[in-house]
Amino acid sequence: MAASKVILITGCSSGIGRALSEELHRRGHRVVATARSVHSLRDLKARGITVHQLDVTRHDEARQVVTSVVSEMGRIDVLVNNAGYGLVNPLMDVPETELSQQFATNVIGPHLMTRLVAPSMRKSGSGLIVNVGSISGIVTTPFAGAYCASKAALHALSDALRMELAPFGISVMTVQAGGIETNFGNASLQHAHRLLSDSSWYIALKQAIQARARISQENAMRSDAFAVRLATAIESRRPPAYLRLGHRSFTLPLLHQILPVRLFDSSMKRRFGLKNLSRGNDPQETSS
């Protein structure tokens, strides 16, 4: 059995974060589960897991949580940057405020948490940062450009941090997740409903956009099975730099790598209905 570690996890209200909190707690680690609403963590608290309210886009909350954990537990051995969400909509319909929020949660939040936690790890001479990315950061698909861009940025930050933090004994692992059973699909669908207007260039493809929001849940890997695999990697003496888990986490990046760009683009445009979209179809003209 691995030595007990202090593990701080963001985004634990459901899905991956919740399952990982439960699995690591079961293995005897001192888990700190966080979420924007602490009420969503009541059952985890009842099991003996330490819980904190944390919105990773709020610097004051992040600093307070990290300070509290280090004060109470003496250190933080592992940080799992899991909090995030998927903005699914055509980029032409994504306002700059929404794009900023996507990056604030999926990129700037993990960067903030890393900067706050790393000093404790440096003092201990060891530590592990786990950034939960996505194969969407490797393979860009229509109607998910904002989300794909945020995960690609997170992957790049992880690569740089892995090299920059190594001299201080801190490792960085990037999880390139495929389809995992979470609330991702429902949440993405809500964003699509909210942002897609009747005047959109893509209103005729409304069903295809909604399908893109749900696609990650098709034949998805169970979140508890994902948590077991990730927990084992976290406990490893030499955690991998990259960990791919979940449906299509290997096949889709492989297809993207071996297929010519035009062929891959063509298959994606066909898959999401863009091949059938008329150049003359201007909703603003037809509605006037």
C-alpha atoms as a PDB file:
ATOM      1  CA  MET A   1       0.000   0.000   0.000  1.00  0.00           C
ATOM      2  CA  ALA A   2       1.293   3.450  -0.969  1.00  0.00           C
ATOM      3  CA  ALA A   3       2.210   5.934   1.750  1.00  0.00           C
ATOM      4  CA  SER A   4      -0.604   8.303   2.644  1.00  0.00           C
ATOM      5  CA  LYS A   5      -0.509  11.578   0.730  1.00  0.00           C
ATOM      6  CA  VAL A   6      -2.314  14.888   1.096  1.00  0.00           C
ATOM      7  CA  ILE A   7      -4.226  15.288  -2.171  1.00  0.00           C
ATOM      8  CA  LEU A   8      -6.135  18.421  -3.175  1.00  0.00           C
ATOM      9  CA  ILE A   9      -8.676  17.922  -5.978  1.00  0.00           C
ATOM     10  CA  THR A  10     -10.720  20.611  -7.727  1.00  0.00           C
ATOM     11  CA  GLY A  11     -14.118  20.129  -9.351  1.00  0.00           C
ATOM     12  CA  CYS A  12     -15.452  17.345  -7.119  1.00  0.00           C
ATOM     13  CA  SER A  13     -19.208  17.978  -7.265  1.00  0.00           C
ATOM     14  CA  SER A  14     -19.683  15.145  -9.768  1.00  0.00           C
ATOM     15  CA  GLY A  15     -18.022  12.914 -12.330  1.00  0.00           C
ATOM     16  CA  ILE A  16     -14.261  12.487 -12.368  1.00  0.00           C
ATOM     17  CA  GLY A  17     -13.495  14.646  -9.329  1.00  0.00           C
ATOM     18  CA  ARG A  18     -16.043  12.932  -7.111  1.00  0.00           C
ATOM     19  CA  ALA A  19     -15.049   9.417  -8.193  1.00  0.00           C
ATOM     20  CA  LEU A  20     -11.341  10.170  -7.747  1.00  0.00           C
ATOM     21  CA  SER A  21     -11.923  11.659  -4.288  1.00  0.00           C
ATOM     22  CA  GLU A  22     -13.742   8.523  -3.201  1.00  0.00           C
ATOM     23  CA  GLU A  23     -11.132   6.156  -4.661  1.00  0.00           C
ATOM     24  CA  LEU A  24      -8.140   7.955  -3.158  1.00  0.00           C
ATOM     25  CA  HIS A  25      -9.893   8.210   0.220  1.00  0.00           C
ATOM     26  CA  ARG A  26     -10.600   4.468   0.054  1.00  0.00           C
ATOM     27  CA  ARG A  27      -6.867   3.914  -0.479  1.00  0.00           C
ATOM     28  CA  GLY A  28      -6.047   5.764   2.729  1.00  0.00           C
ATOM     29  CA  HIS A  29      -4.980   9.149   1.417  1.00  0.00           C
ATOM     30  CA  ARG A  30      -5.908  12.458   3.055  1.00  0.00           C
ATOM     31  CA  VAL A  31      -8.165  13.882   0.382  1.00  0.00           C
ATOM     32  CA  VAL A  32      -9.311  17.485   0.162  1.00  0.00           C
ATOM     33  CA  ALA A  33     -12.280  17.706  -2.210  1.00  0.00           C
ATOM     34  CA  THR A  34     -13.357  21.096  -3.506  1.00  0.00           C
ATOM     35  CA  ALA A  35     -16.198  22.498  -5.600  1.00  0.00           C
ATOM     36  CA  ARG A  36     -17.898  25.817  -6.255  1.00  0.00           C
ATOM     37  CA  SER A  37     -20.788  24.687  -4.052  1.00  0.00           C
ATOM     38  CA  VAL A  38     -19.702  23.047  -0.827  1.00  0.00           C
ATOM     39  CA  HIS A  39     -23.253  21.719  -0.389  1.00  0.00           C
ATOM     40  CA  SER A  40     -22.636  19.344  -3.290  1.00  0.00           C
ATOM     41  CA  LEU A  41     -19.870  17.723  -1.211  1.00  0.00           C
ATOM     42  CA  ARG A  42     -21.928  16.919   1.877  1.00  0.00           C
ATOM     43  CA  ASP A  43     -21.883  13.167   1.302  1.00  0.00           C
ATOM     44  CA  LEU A  44     -18.104  13.208   0.817  1.00  0.00           C
ATOM     45  CA  LYS A  45     -17.728  15.099   4.085  1.00  0.00           C
ATOM     46  CA  ALA A  46     -19.897  12.496   5.810  1.00  0.00           C
ATOM     47  CA  ARG A  47     -17.390   9.841   4.698  1.00  0.00           C
ATOM     48  CA  GLY A  48     -14.525  11.697   6.377  1.00  0.00           C
ATOM     49  CA  ILE A  49     -13.197  13.570   3.349  1.00  0.00           C
ATOM     50  CA  THR A  50     -12.166  17.175   3.984  1.00  0.00           C
ATOM     51  CA  VAL A  51     -14.177  19.551   1.811  1.00  0.00           C
ATOM     52  CA  HIS A  52     -13.794  23.214   0.856  1.00  0.00           C
ATOM     53  CA  GLN A  53     -15.696  25.646  -1.313  1.00  0.00           C
ATOM     54  CA  LEU A  54     -13.532  26.682  -4.244  1.00  0.00           C
ATOM     55  CA  ASP A  55     -14.144  28.467  -7.510  1.00  0.00           C
ATOM     56  CA  VAL A  56     -10.788  28.234  -9.305  1.00  0.00           C
ATOM     57  CA  THR A  57     -11.446  31.538 -11.072  1.00  0.00           C
ATOM     58  CA  ARG A  58     -11.481  33.363  -7.729  1.00  0.00           C
ATOM     59  CA  HIS A  59      -7.956  34.104  -6.523  1.00  0.00           C
ATOM     60  CA  ASP A  60      -9.068  34.892  -2.954  1.00  0.00           C
ATOM     61  CA  GLU A  61     -10.868  31.562  -2.536  1.00  0.00           C
ATOM     62  CA  ALA A  62      -7.969  29.608  -4.040  1.00  0.00           C
ATOM     63  CA  ARG A  63      -5.411  31.234  -1.750  1.00  0.00           C
ATOM     64  CA  GLN A  64      -7.611  30.713   1.309  1.00  0.00           C
ATOM     65  CA  VAL A  65      -8.123  27.011   0.568  1.00  0.00           C
ATOM     66  CA  VAL A  66      -4.427  26.297  -0.060  1.00  0.00           C
ATOM     67  CA  THR A  67      -3.382  28.237   3.057  1.00  0.00           C
ATOM     68  CA  SER A  68      -5.943  26.369   5.150  1.00  0.00           C
ATOM     69  CA  VAL A  69      -4.915  22.923   3.891  1.00  0.00           C
ATOM     70  CA  VAL A  70      -1.185  23.540   4.408  1.00  0.00           C
ATOM     71  CA  SER A  71      -1.883  24.938   7.885  1.00  0.00           C
ATOM     72  CA  GLU A  72      -4.056  21.974   8.919  1.00  0.00           C
ATOM     73  CA  MET A  73      -2.223  19.127   7.176  1.00  0.00           C
ATOM     74  CA  GLY A  74       1.312  20.482   6.935  1.00  0.00           C
ATOM     75  CA  ARG A  75       1.729  20.059   3.190  1.00  0.00           C
ATOM     76  CA  ILE A  76       0.111  19.251  -0.156  1.00  0.00           C
ATOM     77  CA  ASP A  77       1.650  16.275  -1.944  1.00  0.00           C
ATOM     78  CA  VAL A  78      -0.619  16.103  -4.976  1.00  0.00           C
ATOM     79  CA  LEU A  79      -2.739  18.701  -6.760  1.00  0.00           C
ATOM     80  CA  VAL A  80      -5.349  17.448  -9.234  1.00  0.00           C
ATOM     81  CA  ASN A  81      -6.563  20.267 -11.469  1.00  0.00           C
ATOM     82  CA  ASN A  82      -9.845  18.722 -12.557  1.00  0.00           C
ATOM     83  CA  ALA A  83     -12.317  21.635 -12.441  1.00  0.00           C
ATOM     84  CA  GLY A  84     -13.486  22.650 -15.883  1.00  0.00           C
ATOM     85  CA  TYR A  85     -16.369  22.702 -18.306  1.00  0.00           C
ATOM     86  CA  GLY A  86     -16.989  22.391 -22.029  1.00  0.00           C
ATOM     87  CA  LEU A  87     -18.332  25.272 -24.072  1.00  0.00           C
ATOM     88  CA  VAL A  88     -19.939  23.730 -27.157  1.00  0.00           C
ATOM     89  CA  ASN A  89     -21.138  26.121 -29.860  1.00  0.00           C
ATOM     90  CA  PRO A  90     -19.933  27.457 -33.218  1.00  0.00           C
ATOM     91  CA  LEU A  91     -17.124  29.941 -32.623  1.00  0.00           C
ATOM     92  CA  MET A  92     -19.008  32.591 -34.594  1.00  0.00           C
ATOM     93  CA  ASP A  93     -21.659  32.437 -31.853  1.00  0.00           C
ATOM     94  CA  VAL A  94     -19.282  32.540 -28.882  1.00  0.00           C
ATOM     95  CA  PRO A  95     -19.006  36.037 -27.331  1.00  0.00           C
ATOM     96  CA  GLU A  96     -15.605  37.119 -26.054  1.00  0.00           C
ATOM     97  CA  THR A  97     -16.922  37.068 -22.488  1.00  0.00           C
ATOM     98  CA  GLU A  98     -17.804  33.379 -22.834  1.00  0.00           C
ATOM     99  CA  LEU A  99     -14.425  32.557 -24.385  1.00  0.00           C
ATOM    100  CA  SER A 100     -12.700  34.382 -21.528  1.00  0.00           C
ATOM    101  CA  GLN A 101     -14.698  32.371 -18.986  1.00  0.00           C
ATOM    102  CA  GLN A 102     -13.775  29.129 -20.745  1.00  0.00           C
ATOM    103  CA  PHE A 103     -10.072  29.954 -20.467  1.00  0.00           C
ATOM    104  CA  ALA A 104     -10.435  31.359 -16.941  1.00  0.00           C
ATOM    105  CA  THR A 105     -11.760  27.998 -15.718  1.00  0.00           C
ATOM    106  CA  ASN A 106      -9.827  25.518 -17.858  1.00  0.00           C
ATOM    107  CA  VAL A 107      -6.455  27.276 -18.171  1.00  0.00           C
ATOM    108  CA  ILE A 108      -5.952  30.214 -15.809  1.00  0.00           C
ATOM    109  CA  GLY A 109      -7.539  28.333 -12.876  1.00  0.00           C
ATOM    110  CA  PRO A 110      -5.090  25.389 -13.045  1.00  0.00           C
ATOM    111  CA  HIS A 111      -2.192  27.839 -13.475  1.00  0.00           C
ATOM    112  CA  LEU A 112      -3.316  29.762 -10.382  1.00  0.00           C
ATOM    113  CA  MET A 113      -3.695  26.599  -8.306  1.00  0.00           C
ATOM    114  CA  THR A 114      -0.271  25.358  -9.393  1.00  0.00           C
ATOM    115  CA  ARG A 115       1.424  28.622  -8.424  1.00  0.00           C
ATOM    116  CA  LEU A 116      -0.251  28.520  -4.997  1.00  0.00           C
ATOM    117  CA  VAL A 117       0.471  24.847  -4.251  1.00  0.00           C
ATOM    118  CA  ALA A 118       3.980  24.456  -5.713  1.00  0.00           C
ATOM    119  CA  PRO A 119       5.780  26.344  -2.898  1.00  0.00           C
ATOM    120  CA  SER A 120       4.589  23.716  -0.393  1.00  0.00           C
ATOM    121  CA  MET A 121       5.853  20.976  -2.695  1.00  0.00           C
ATOM    122  CA  ARG A 122       9.202  22.683  -3.178  1.00  0.00           C
ATOM    123  CA  LYS A 123       9.599  22.905   0.585  1.00  0.00           C
ATOM    124  CA  SER A 124       8.930  19.155   0.845  1.00  0.00           C
ATOM    125  CA  GLY A 125      11.270  18.399  -2.031  1.00  0.00           C
ATOM    126  CA  SER A 126       8.629  16.470  -3.950  1.00  0.00           C
ATOM    127  CA  GLY A 127       5.134  16.741  -5.353  1.00  0.00           C
ATOM    128  CA  LEU A 128       2.839  15.921  -8.250  1.00  0.00           C
ATOM    129  CA  ILE A 129       0.648  18.212 -10.342  1.00  0.00           C
ATOM    130  CA  VAL A 130      -2.078  16.387 -12.292  1.00  0.00           C
ATOM    131  CA  ASN A 131      -3.772  18.409 -15.033  1.00  0.00           C
ATOM    132  CA  VAL A 132      -6.907  16.799 -16.405  1.00  0.00           C
ATOM    133  CA  GLY A 133      -6.839  17.616 -20.093  1.00  0.00           C
ATOM    134  CA  SER A 134      -8.650  15.982 -22.983  1.00  0.00           C
ATOM    135  CA  ILE A 135      -8.106  14.421 -26.376  1.00  0.00           C
ATOM    136  CA  SER A 136     -10.063  17.484 -27.518  1.00  0.00           C
ATOM    137  CA  GLY A 137      -6.823  19.352 -26.841  1.00  0.00           C
ATOM    138  CA  ILE A 138      -5.196  17.150 -29.488  1.00  0.00           C
ATOM    139  CA  VAL A 139      -8.026  16.735 -31.978  1.00  0.00           C
ATOM    140  CA  THR A 140     -10.133  19.804 -32.743  1.00  0.00           C
ATOM    141  CA  THR A 141     -13.726  19.208 -33.832  1.00  0.00           C
ATOM    142  CA  PRO A 142     -16.388  21.556 -35.183  1.00  0.00           C
ATOM    143  CA  PHE A 143     -18.605  23.315 -32.641  1.00  0.00           C
ATOM    144  CA  ALA A 144     -16.141  22.776 -29.782  1.00  0.00           C
ATOM    145  CA  GLY A 145     -13.395  25.208 -30.775  1.00  0.00           C
ATOM    146  CA  ALA A 146     -13.430  27.138 -27.497  1.00  0.00           C
ATOM    147  CA  TYR A 147     -13.196  23.981 -25.390  1.00  0.00           C
ATOM    148  CA  CYS A 148     -10.564  22.370 -27.651  1.00  0.00           C
ATOM    149  CA  ALA A 149      -8.459  25.538 -27.552  1.00  0.00           C
ATOM    150  CA  SER A 150      -8.598  25.674 -23.744  1.00  0.00           C
ATOM    151  CA  LYS A 151      -7.479  22.054 -23.397  1.00  0.00           C
ATOM    152  CA  ALA A 152      -4.693  22.524 -25.962  1.00  0.00           C
ATOM    153  CA  ALA A 153      -3.511  25.507 -23.912  1.00  0.00           C
ATOM    154  CA  LEU A 154      -3.654  23.436 -20.720  1.00  0.00           C
ATOM    155  CA  HIS A 155      -1.552  20.730 -22.373  1.00  0.00           C
ATOM    156  CA  ALA A 156       1.047  23.317 -23.389  1.00  0.00           C
ATOM    157  CA  LEU A 157       1.179  24.767 -19.867  1.00  0.00           C
ATOM    158  CA  SER A 158       1.611  21.251 -18.488  1.00  0.00           C
ATOM    159  CA  ASP A 159       4.508  20.534 -20.841  1.00  0.00           C
ATOM    160  CA  ALA A 160       6.304  23.720 -19.808  1.00  0.00           C
ATOM    161  CA  LEU A 161       5.635  23.153 -16.099  1.00  0.00           C
ATOM    162  CA  ARG A 162       6.890  19.557 -16.332  1.00  0.00           C
ATOM    163  CA  MET A 163      10.296  20.840 -17.445  1.00  0.00           C
ATOM    164  CA  GLU A 164      10.411  23.942 -15.254  1.00  0.00           C
ATOM    165  CA  LEU A 165       9.382  22.232 -11.989  1.00  0.00           C
ATOM    166  CA  ALA A 166      11.527  19.117 -12.397  1.00  0.00           C
ATOM    167  CA  PRO A 167      14.612  20.692 -10.726  1.00  0.00           C
ATOM    168  CA  PHE A 168      12.547  21.107  -7.538  1.00  0.00           C
ATOM    169  CA  GLY A 169      11.374  17.483  -7.397  1.00  0.00           C
ATOM    170  CA  ILE A 170       7.874  18.301  -8.675  1.00  0.00           C
ATOM    171  CA  SER A 171       6.390  16.073 -11.378  1.00  0.00           C
ATOM    172  CA  VAL A 172       3.594  17.021 -13.781  1.00  0.00           C
ATOM    173  CA  MET A 173       1.179  14.527 -15.328  1.00  0.00           C
ATOM    174  CA  THR A 174      -1.225  15.415 -18.131  1.00  0.00           C
ATOM    175  CA  VAL A 175      -4.355  13.282 -18.346  1.00  0.00           C
ATOM    176  CA  GLN A 176      -5.605  13.208 -21.925  1.00  0.00           C
ATOM    177  CA  ALA A 177      -9.101  11.935 -21.267  1.00  0.00           C
ATOM    178  CA  GLY A 178     -11.444  10.484 -23.825  1.00  0.00           C
ATOM    179  CA  GLY A 179     -15.106   9.717 -23.207  1.00  0.00           C
ATOM    180  CA  ILE A 180     -15.733   9.416 -19.467  1.00  0.00           C
ATOM    181  CA  GLU A 181     -19.146   9.144 -17.783  1.00  0.00           C
ATOM    182  CA  THR A 182     -19.701  12.616 -16.345  1.00  0.00           C
ATOM    183  CA  ASN A 183     -22.206  15.460 -16.433  1.00  0.00           C
ATOM    184  CA  PHE A 184     -20.148  17.002 -19.257  1.00  0.00           C
ATOM    185  CA  GLY A 185     -22.706  16.273 -21.960  1.00  0.00           C
ATOM    186  CA  ASN A 186     -25.650  17.791 -20.108  1.00  0.00           C
ATOM    187  CA  ALA A 187     -23.673  20.864 -19.084  1.00  0.00           C
ATOM    188  CA  SER A 188     -22.392  21.406 -22.626  1.00  0.00           C
ATOM    189  CA  LEU A 189     -25.901  20.968 -23.987  1.00  0.00           C
ATOM    190  CA  GLN A 190     -27.161  23.703 -21.672  1.00  0.00           C
ATOM    191  CA  HIS A 191     -24.497  26.091 -22.974  1.00  0.00           C
ATOM    192  CA  ALA A 192     -25.424  25.225 -26.560  1.00  0.00           C
ATOM    193  CA  HIS A 193     -29.116  25.936 -25.894  1.00  0.00           C
ATOM    194  CA  ARG A 194     -28.234  29.222 -24.214  1.00  0.00           C
ATOM    195  CA  LEU A 195     -25.897  30.584 -26.866  1.00  0.00           C
ATOM    196  CA  LEU A 196     -27.328  29.345 -30.167  1.00  0.00           C
ATOM    197  CA  SER A 197     -29.735  31.965 -31.545  1.00  0.00           C
ATOM    198  CA  ASP A 198     -32.229  31.785 -34.418  1.00  0.00           C
ATOM    199  CA  SER A 199     -29.995  34.192 -36.359  1.00  0.00           C
ATOM    200  CA  SER A 200     -26.969  31.885 -36.177  1.00  0.00           C
ATOM    201  CA  TRP A 201     -25.276  30.895 -39.434  1.00  0.00           C
ATOM    202  CA  TYR A 202     -25.543  27.347 -38.115  1.00  0.00           C
ATOM    203  CA  ILE A 203     -29.154  27.217 -36.910  1.00  0.00           C
ATOM    204  CA  ALA A 204     -29.904  24.597 -39.568  1.00  0.00           C
ATOM    205  CA  LEU A 205     -27.355  22.348 -37.815  1.00  0.00           C
ATOM    206  CA  LYS A 206     -28.862  22.719 -34.360  1.00  0.00           C
ATOM    207  CA  GLN A 207     -29.222  18.953 -33.933  1.00  0.00           C
ATOM    208  CA  ALA A 208     -25.609  18.371 -34.999  1.00  0.00           C
ATOM    209  CA  ILE A 209     -24.412  20.959 -32.469  1.00  0.00           C
ATOM    210  CA  GLN A 210     -26.436  19.261 -29.758  1.00  0.00           C
ATOM    211  CA  ALA A 211     -24.993  15.913 -30.819  1.00  0.00           C
ATOM    212  CA  ARG A 212     -21.463  17.323 -30.418  1.00  0.00           C
ATOM    213  CA  ALA A 213     -22.364  18.340 -26.866  1.00  0.00           C
ATOM    214  CA  ARG A 214     -23.384  14.762 -26.062  1.00  0.00           C
ATOM    215  CA  ILE A 215     -20.728  12.876 -28.027  1.00  0.00           C
ATOM    216  CA  SER A 216     -18.325  12.406 -25.101  1.00  0.00           C
ATOM    217  CA  GLN A 217     -20.925  10.249 -23.344  1.00  0.00           C
ATOM    218  CA  GLU A 218     -21.262   7.705 -26.152  1.00  0.00           C
ATOM    219  CA  ASN A 219     -19.850   4.367 -24.920  1.00  0.00           C
ATOM    220  CA  ALA A 220     -18.092   6.341 -22.210  1.00  0.00           C
ATOM    221  CA  MET A 221     -15.762   4.784 -19.639  1.00  0.00           C
ATOM    222  CA  ARG A 222     -17.291   4.585 -16.165  1.00  0.00           C
ATOM    223  CA  SER A 223     -15.993   7.358 -13.921  1.00  0.00           C
ATOM    224  CA  ASP A 224     -15.190   4.917 -11.105  1.00  0.00           C
ATOM    225  CA  ALA A 225     -13.076   2.781 -13.474  1.00  0.00           C
ATOM    226  CA  PHE A 226     -11.318   5.939 -14.655  1.00  0.00           C
ATOM    227  CA  ALA A 227     -10.677   6.895 -11.017  1.00  0.00           C
ATOM    228  CA  VAL A 228      -9.055   3.526 -10.250  1.00  0.00           C
ATOM    229  CA  ARG A 229      -6.629   3.869 -13.170  1.00  0.00           C
ATOM    230  CA  LEU A 230      -5.785   7.483 -12.379  1.00  0.00           C
ATOM    231  CA  ALA A 231      -5.341   6.778  -8.659  1.00  0.00           C
ATOM    232  CA  THR A 232      -2.876   3.998  -9.481  1.00  0.00           C
ATOM    233  CA  ALA A 233      -0.887   6.385 -11.696  1.00  0.00           C
ATOM    234  CA  ILE A 234      -0.868   8.996  -8.934  1.00  0.00           C
ATOM    235  CA  GLU A 235       0.513   6.444  -6.479  1.00  0.00           C
ATOM    236  CA  SER A 236       3.248   5.358  -8.902  1.00  0.00           C
ATOM    237  CA  ARG A 237       6.845   6.094  -7.889  1.00  0.00           C
ATOM    238  CA  ARG A 238       7.357   7.536 -11.392  1.00  0.00           C
ATOM    239  CA  PRO A 239       4.035   8.961 -12.602  1.00  0.00           C
ATOM    240  CA  PRO A 240       3.743   9.058 -16.403  1.00  0.00           C
ATOM    241  CA  ALA A 241       4.042  12.400 -18.178  1.00  0.00           C
ATOM    242  CA  TYR A 242       0.923  11.540 -20.183  1.00  0.00           C
ATOM    243  CA  LEU A 243      -1.972   9.284 -19.295  1.00  0.00           C
ATOM    244  CA  ARG A 244      -4.689   8.503 -21.829  1.00  0.00           C
ATOM    245  CA  LEU A 245      -7.896   7.010 -20.522  1.00  0.00           C
ATOM    246  CA  GLY A 246     -11.428   6.729 -21.823  1.00  0.00           C
ATOM    247  CA  HIS A 247     -13.307   6.005 -25.038  1.00  0.00           C
ATOM    248  CA  ARG A 248     -11.486   7.102 -28.229  1.00  0.00           C
ATOM    249  CA  SER A 249      -8.513   8.382 -26.215  1.00  0.00           C
ATOM    250  CA  PHE A 250      -6.132   6.447 -28.495  1.00  0.00           C
ATOM    251  CA  THR A 251      -8.033   5.920 -31.745  1.00  0.00           C
ATOM    252  CA  LEU A 252      -9.105   9.510 -32.439  1.00  0.00           C
ATOM    253  CA  PRO A 253      -5.626  11.074 -31.955  1.00  0.00           C
ATOM    254  CA  LEU A 254      -4.172   8.267 -34.094  1.00  0.00           C
ATOM    255  CA  LEU A 255      -6.615   8.958 -36.938  1.00  0.00           C
ATOM    256  CA  HIS A 256      -5.844  12.667 -36.664  1.00  0.00           C
ATOM    257  CA  GLN A 257      -2.138  11.902 -36.927  1.00  0.00           C
ATOM    258  CA  ILE A 258      -2.203   9.538 -39.896  1.00  0.00           C
ATOM    259  CA  LEU A 259      -4.959  11.032 -42.066  1.00  0.00           C
ATOM    260  CA  PRO A 260      -4.183  13.927 -44.424  1.00  0.00           C
ATOM    261  CA  VAL A 261      -5.645  17.197 -43.139  1.00  0.00           C
ATOM    262  CA  ARG A 262      -8.127  17.536 -45.984  1.00  0.00           C
ATOM    263  CA  LEU A 263      -9.414  14.008 -45.487  1.00  0.00           C
ATOM    264  CA  PHE A 264      -9.742  14.442 -41.724  1.00  0.00           C
ATOM    265  CA  ASP A 265     -11.480  17.813 -42.136  1.00  0.00           C
ATOM    266  CA  SER A 266     -13.819  16.320 -44.709  1.00  0.00           C
ATOM    267  CA  SER A 267     -14.822  13.502 -42.373  1.00  0.00           C
ATOM    268  CA  MET A 268     -15.470  15.952 -39.536  1.00  0.00           C
ATOM    269  CA  LYS A 269     -17.507  18.287 -41.753  1.00  0.00           C
ATOM    270  CA  ARG A 270     -19.569  15.321 -42.925  1.00  0.00           C
ATOM    271  CA  ARG A 271     -19.992  14.002 -39.377  1.00  0.00           C
ATOM    272  CA  PHE A 272     -21.375  17.315 -38.118  1.00  0.00           C
ATOM    273  CA  GLY A 273     -23.424  18.316 -41.159  1.00  0.00           C
ATOM    274  CA  LEU A 274     -21.190  21.103 -42.456  1.00  0.00           C
ATOM    275  CA  LYS A 275     -21.047  19.462 -45.900  1.00  0.00           C
ATOM    276  CA  ASN A 276     -24.752  20.149 -46.281  1.00  0.00           C
ATOM    277  CA  LEU A 277     -24.693  23.776 -45.175  1.00  0.00           C
ATOM    278  CA  SER A 278     -25.570  26.092 -48.052  1.00  0.00           C
ATOM    279  CA  ARG A 279     -23.372  29.118 -48.682  1.00  0.00           C
ATOM    280  CA  GLY A 280     -26.474  31.114 -49.454  1.00  0.00           C
ATOM    281  CA  ASN A 281     -28.249  30.149 -46.263  1.00  0.00           C
ATOM    282  CA  ASP A 282     -28.232  33.429 -44.339  1.00  0.00           C
ATOM    283  CA  PRO A 283     -30.785  33.352 -41.484  1.00  0.00           C
ATOM    284  CA  GLN A 284     -30.522  37.112 -41.083  1.00  0.00           C
ATOM    285  CA  GLU A 285     -31.602  37.630 -44.705  1.00  0.00           C
ATOM    286  CA  THR A 286     -34.443  35.120 -44.609  1.00  0.00           C
ATOM    287  CA  SER A 287     -35.798  36.542 -41.367  1.00  0.00           C
ATOM    288  CA  SER A 288     -35.828  40.145 -42.574  1.00  0.00           C
END
